[in-house]
Amino acid sequence: MNRLRGALRAMSPAIERVGLPSPREFLARYWSTGTPVIFTDVVPRWPAFSRWSPAF
């Protein structure tokens, strides 16, 4: 399985990882060009992230 993952990574370009861009930057740089991206700072901004707990 690891060999397959390595082969797939080698065949495809790396997907950029960024913090949360502005709406304008997102539309211009990713949405309009169809460029894949991974946003790394999104979940901690969700209100539920600070509220959810086993007690909640």
PDB file of N, CA and C in Angstrom:
ATOM      1  N   MET A   1       0.822  -1.192   0.000  1.00  0.00           N
ATOM      2  CA  MET A   1       0.000   0.000   0.000  1.00  0.00           C
ATOM      3  C   MET A   1       0.870   1.262   0.000  1.00  0.00           C
ATOM      4  N   ASN A   2       1.938   1.276   0.776  1.00  0.00           N
ATOM      5  CA  ASN A   2       2.811   2.452   0.814  1.00  0.00           C
ATOM      6  C   ASN A   2       3.480   2.697  -0.529  1.00  0.00           C
ATOM      7  N   ARG A   3       3.826   1.639  -1.244  1.00  0.00           N
ATOM      8  CA  ARG A   3       4.424   1.812  -2.577  1.00  0.00           C
ATOM      9  C   ARG A   3       3.434   2.473  -3.516  1.00  0.00           C
ATOM     10  N   LEU A   4       2.171   2.098  -3.425  1.00  0.00           N
ATOM     11  CA  LEU A   4       1.137   2.685  -4.270  1.00  0.00           C
ATOM     12  C   LEU A   4       0.985   4.176  -3.954  1.00  0.00           C
ATOM     13  N   ARG A   5       0.950   4.517  -2.676  1.00  0.00           N
ATOM     14  CA  ARG A   5       0.842   5.930  -2.303  1.00  0.00           C
ATOM     15  C   ARG A   5       2.029   6.725  -2.831  1.00  0.00           C
ATOM     16  N   GLY A   6       3.226   6.162  -2.699  1.00  0.00           N
ATOM     17  CA  GLY A   6       4.411   6.838  -3.194  1.00  0.00           C
ATOM     18  C   GLY A   6       4.359   7.046  -4.695  1.00  0.00           C
ATOM     19  N   ALA A   7       3.885   6.039  -5.418  1.00  0.00           N
ATOM     20  CA  ALA A   7       3.781   6.152  -6.867  1.00  0.00           C
ATOM     21  C   ALA A   7       2.760   7.213  -7.267  1.00  0.00           C
ATOM     22  N   LEU A   8       1.648   7.273  -6.567  1.00  0.00           N
ATOM     23  CA  LEU A   8       0.634   8.278  -6.870  1.00  0.00           C
ATOM     24  C   LEU A   8       1.146   9.683  -6.586  1.00  0.00           C
ATOM     25  N   ARG A   9       1.876   9.861  -5.481  1.00  0.00           N
ATOM     26  CA  ARG A   9       2.445  11.180  -5.178  1.00  0.00           C
ATOM     27  C   ARG A   9       3.438  11.609  -6.249  1.00  0.00           C
ATOM     28  N   ALA A  10       4.220  10.666  -6.729  1.00  0.00           N
ATOM     29  CA  ALA A  10       5.219  10.989  -7.744  1.00  0.00           C
ATOM     30  C   ALA A  10       4.560  11.395  -9.059  1.00  0.00           C
ATOM     31  N   MET A  11       3.379  10.858  -9.352  1.00  0.00           N
ATOM     32  CA  MET A  11       2.696  11.139 -10.606  1.00  0.00           C
ATOM     33  C   MET A  11       1.933  12.459 -10.577  1.00  0.00           C
ATOM     34  N   SER A  12       1.536  12.907  -9.407  1.00  0.00           N
ATOM     35  CA  SER A  12       0.714  14.113  -9.337  1.00  0.00           C
ATOM     36  C   SER A  12       1.489  15.231  -8.642  1.00  0.00           C
ATOM     37  N   PRO A  13       1.213  16.463  -9.021  1.00  0.00           N
ATOM     38  CA  PRO A  13       1.898  17.585  -8.371  1.00  0.00           C
ATOM     39  C   PRO A  13       1.446  17.710  -6.921  1.00  0.00           C
ATOM     40  N   ALA A  14       2.284  18.281  -6.100  1.00  0.00           N
ATOM     41  CA  ALA A  14       1.931  18.500  -4.702  1.00  0.00           C
ATOM     42  C   ALA A  14       0.803  19.519  -4.614  1.00  0.00           C
ATOM     43  N   ILE A  15      -0.089  19.300  -3.693  1.00  0.00           N
ATOM     44  CA  ILE A  15      -1.174  20.241  -3.465  1.00  0.00           C
ATOM     45  C   ILE A  15      -0.699  21.243  -2.421  1.00  0.00           C
ATOM     46  N   GLU A  16      -0.837  22.514  -2.748  1.00  0.00           N
ATOM     47  CA  GLU A  16      -0.382  23.578  -1.867  1.00  0.00           C
ATOM     48  C   GLU A  16      -1.194  23.588  -0.571  1.00  0.00           C
ATOM     49  N   ARG A  17      -0.515  23.821   0.538  1.00  0.00           N
ATOM     50  CA  ARG A  17      -1.162  23.961   1.848  1.00  0.00           C
ATOM     51  C   ARG A  17      -0.980  25.405   2.284  1.00  0.00           C
ATOM     52  N   VAL A  18      -2.082  26.061   2.594  1.00  0.00           N
ATOM     53  CA  VAL A  18      -2.024  27.473   2.990  1.00  0.00           C
ATOM     54  C   VAL A  18      -2.968  27.720   4.157  1.00  0.00           C
ATOM     55  N   GLY A  19      -2.733  28.825   4.863  1.00  0.00           N
ATOM     56  CA  GLY A  19      -3.695  29.283   5.857  1.00  0.00           C
ATOM     57  C   GLY A  19      -4.943  29.754   5.117  1.00  0.00           C
ATOM     58  N   LEU A  20      -5.840  30.340   5.809  1.00  0.00           N
ATOM     59  CA  LEU A  20      -7.089  30.777   5.175  1.00  0.00           C
ATOM     60  C   LEU A  20      -6.864  32.057   4.370  1.00  0.00           C
ATOM     61  N   PRO A  21      -7.007  32.004   3.044  1.00  0.00           N
ATOM     62  CA  PRO A  21      -6.818  33.210   2.233  1.00  0.00           C
ATOM     63  C   PRO A  21      -8.058  34.109   2.303  1.00  0.00           C
ATOM     64  N   SER A  22      -7.897  35.321   1.851  1.00  0.00           N
ATOM     65  CA  SER A  22      -9.052  36.223   1.774  1.00  0.00           C
ATOM     66  C   SER A  22      -9.992  35.695   0.684  1.00  0.00           C
ATOM     67  N   PRO A  23     -11.259  36.073   0.735  1.00  0.00           N
ATOM     68  CA  PRO A  23     -12.179  35.633  -0.323  1.00  0.00           C
ATOM     69  C   PRO A  23     -11.686  36.020  -1.722  1.00  0.00           C
ATOM     70  N   ARG A  24     -11.148  37.215  -1.857  1.00  0.00           N
ATOM     71  CA  ARG A  24     -10.663  37.676  -3.161  1.00  0.00           C
ATOM     72  C   ARG A  24      -9.503  36.807  -3.650  1.00  0.00           C
ATOM     73  N   GLU A  25      -8.560  36.527  -2.753  1.00  0.00           N
ATOM     74  CA  GLU A  25      -7.419  35.683  -3.128  1.00  0.00           C
ATOM     75  C   GLU A  25      -7.876  34.272  -3.474  1.00  0.00           C
ATOM     76  N   PHE A  26      -8.813  33.724  -2.692  1.00  0.00           N
ATOM     77  CA  PHE A  26      -9.324  32.385  -2.976  1.00  0.00           C
ATOM     78  C   PHE A  26      -9.945  32.316  -4.368  1.00  0.00           C
ATOM     79  N   LEU A  27     -10.800  33.275  -4.679  1.00  0.00           N
ATOM     80  CA  LEU A  27     -11.464  33.268  -5.990  1.00  0.00           C
ATOM     81  C   LEU A  27     -10.462  33.414  -7.132  1.00  0.00           C
ATOM     82  N   ALA A  28      -9.524  34.333  -6.988  1.00  0.00           N
ATOM     83  CA  ALA A  28      -8.570  34.600  -8.068  1.00  0.00           C
ATOM     84  C   ALA A  28      -7.540  33.486  -8.241  1.00  0.00           C
ATOM     85  N   ARG A  29      -7.043  32.973  -7.130  1.00  0.00           N
ATOM     86  CA  ARG A  29      -5.912  32.046  -7.211  1.00  0.00           C
ATOM     87  C   ARG A  29      -6.319  30.584  -7.317  1.00  0.00           C
ATOM     88  N   TYR A  30      -7.428  30.213  -6.689  1.00  0.00           N
ATOM     89  CA  TYR A  30      -7.801  28.794  -6.641  1.00  0.00           C
ATOM     90  C   TYR A  30      -9.098  28.494  -7.394  1.00  0.00           C
ATOM     91  N   TRP A  31     -10.172  29.194  -7.069  1.00  0.00           N
ATOM     92  CA  TRP A  31     -11.481  28.882  -7.669  1.00  0.00           C
ATOM     93  C   TRP A  31     -11.478  29.095  -9.180  1.00  0.00           C
ATOM     94  N   SER A  32     -11.042  30.254  -9.613  1.00  0.00           N
ATOM     95  CA  SER A  32     -11.124  30.564 -11.046  1.00  0.00           C
ATOM     96  C   SER A  32     -10.156  29.735 -11.891  1.00  0.00           C
ATOM     97  N   THR A  33      -9.088  29.245 -11.284  1.00  0.00           N
ATOM     98  CA  THR A  33      -8.115  28.443 -12.039  1.00  0.00           C
ATOM     99  C   THR A  33      -8.309  26.943 -11.844  1.00  0.00           C
ATOM    100  N   GLY A  34      -9.197  26.567 -10.928  1.00  0.00           N
ATOM    101  CA  GLY A  34      -9.425  25.145 -10.665  1.00  0.00           C
ATOM    102  C   GLY A  34      -8.233  24.490  -9.977  1.00  0.00           C
ATOM    103  N   THR A  35      -7.461  25.285  -9.246  1.00  0.00           N
ATOM    104  CA  THR A  35      -6.266  24.780  -8.574  1.00  0.00           C
ATOM    105  C   THR A  35      -6.639  24.176  -7.227  1.00  0.00           C
ATOM    106  N   PRO A  36      -6.271  22.922  -6.971  1.00  0.00           N
ATOM    107  CA  PRO A  36      -6.578  22.338  -5.665  1.00  0.00           C
ATOM    108  C   PRO A  36      -5.709  22.969  -4.578  1.00  0.00           C
ATOM    109  N   VAL A  37      -6.255  23.041  -3.384  1.00  0.00           N
ATOM    110  CA  VAL A  37      -5.535  23.629  -2.257  1.00  0.00           C
ATOM    111  C   VAL A  37      -6.060  23.002  -0.970  1.00  0.00           C
ATOM    112  N   ILE A  38      -5.208  22.932   0.031  1.00  0.00           N
ATOM    113  CA  ILE A  38      -5.602  22.458   1.357  1.00  0.00           C
ATOM    114  C   ILE A  38      -5.471  23.640   2.308  1.00  0.00           C
ATOM    115  N   PHE A  39      -6.571  23.998   2.972  1.00  0.00           N
ATOM    116  CA  PHE A  39      -6.550  25.088   3.937  1.00  0.00           C
ATOM    117  C   PHE A  39      -6.230  24.514   5.312  1.00  0.00           C
ATOM    118  N   THR A  40      -5.196  25.023   5.942  1.00  0.00           N
ATOM    119  CA  THR A  40      -4.718  24.446   7.192  1.00  0.00           C
ATOM    120  C   THR A  40      -5.275  25.117   8.441  1.00  0.00           C
ATOM    121  N   ASP A  41      -5.866  26.288   8.336  1.00  0.00           N
ATOM    122  CA  ASP A  41      -6.313  27.035   9.521  1.00  0.00           C
ATOM    123  C   ASP A  41      -7.823  27.225   9.582  1.00  0.00           C
ATOM    124  N   VAL A  42      -8.584  26.336   9.014  1.00  0.00           N
ATOM    125  CA  VAL A  42     -10.026  26.561   8.927  1.00  0.00           C
ATOM    126  C   VAL A  42     -10.769  26.049  10.160  1.00  0.00           C
ATOM    127  N   VAL A  43     -10.532  24.824  10.563  1.00  0.00           N
ATOM    128  CA  VAL A  43     -11.321  24.210  11.630  1.00  0.00           C
ATOM    129  C   VAL A  43     -11.244  24.978  12.947  1.00  0.00           C
ATOM    130  N   PRO A  44     -10.078  25.442  13.396  1.00  0.00           N
ATOM    131  CA  PRO A  44     -10.059  26.185  14.665  1.00  0.00           C
ATOM    132  C   PRO A  44     -10.909  27.461  14.651  1.00  0.00           C
ATOM    133  N   ARG A  45     -11.277  27.945  13.496  1.00  0.00           N
ATOM    134  CA  ARG A  45     -12.120  29.150  13.402  1.00  0.00           C
ATOM    135  C   ARG A  45     -13.604  28.837  13.544  1.00  0.00           C
ATOM    136  N   TRP A  46     -13.981  27.568  13.442  1.00  0.00           N
ATOM    137  CA  TRP A  46     -15.388  27.200  13.566  1.00  0.00           C
ATOM    138  C   TRP A  46     -15.834  27.386  15.006  1.00  0.00           C
ATOM    139  N   PRO A  47     -16.995  27.977  15.251  1.00  0.00           N
ATOM    140  CA  PRO A  47     -17.485  28.124  16.626  1.00  0.00           C
ATOM    141  C   PRO A  47     -17.586  26.780  17.359  1.00  0.00           C
ATOM    142  N   ALA A  48     -17.975  25.750  16.660  1.00  0.00           N
ATOM    143  CA  ALA A  48     -18.129  24.444  17.301  1.00  0.00           C
ATOM    144  C   ALA A  48     -16.800  23.868  17.793  1.00  0.00           C
ATOM    145  N   PHE A  49     -15.704  24.288  17.223  1.00  0.00           N
ATOM    146  CA  PHE A  49     -14.400  23.756  17.608  1.00  0.00           C
ATOM    147  C   PHE A  49     -14.102  24.024  19.078  1.00  0.00           C
ATOM    148  N   SER A  50     -14.493  25.176  19.575  1.00  0.00           N
ATOM    149  CA  SER A  50     -14.235  25.501  20.979  1.00  0.00           C
ATOM    150  C   SER A  50     -15.348  25.022  21.900  1.00  0.00           C
ATOM    151  N   ARG A  51     -16.496  24.683  21.359  1.00  0.00           N
ATOM    152  CA  ARG A  51     -17.630  24.260  22.194  1.00  0.00           C
ATOM    153  C   ARG A  51     -17.715  22.751  22.390  1.00  0.00           C
ATOM    154  N   TRP A  52     -17.326  21.999  21.391  1.00  0.00           N
ATOM    155  CA  TRP A  52     -17.521  20.554  21.459  1.00  0.00           C
ATOM    156  C   TRP A  52     -16.586  19.940  22.488  1.00  0.00           C
ATOM    157  N   SER A  53     -17.150  19.096  23.285  1.00  0.00           N
ATOM    158  CA  SER A  53     -16.401  18.346  24.290  1.00  0.00           C
ATOM    159  C   SER A  53     -17.213  17.089  24.604  1.00  0.00           C
ATOM    160  N   PRO A  54     -16.628  16.139  25.313  1.00  0.00           N
ATOM    161  CA  PRO A  54     -17.439  14.965  25.681  1.00  0.00           C
ATOM    162  C   PRO A  54     -18.691  15.346  26.481  1.00  0.00           C
ATOM    163  N   ALA A  55     -18.593  16.387  27.309  1.00  0.00           N
ATOM    164  CA  ALA A  55     -19.752  16.808  28.101  1.00  0.00           C
ATOM    165  C   ALA A  55     -20.812  17.483  27.240  1.00  0.00           C
ATOM    166  N   PHE A  56     -20.406  18.158  26.181  1.00  0.00           N
ATOM    167  CA  PHE A  56     -21.342  18.865  25.319  1.00  0.00           C
ATOM    168  C   PHE A  56     -22.135  17.873  24.517  1.00  0.00           C
TER     169      PHE A  56
END
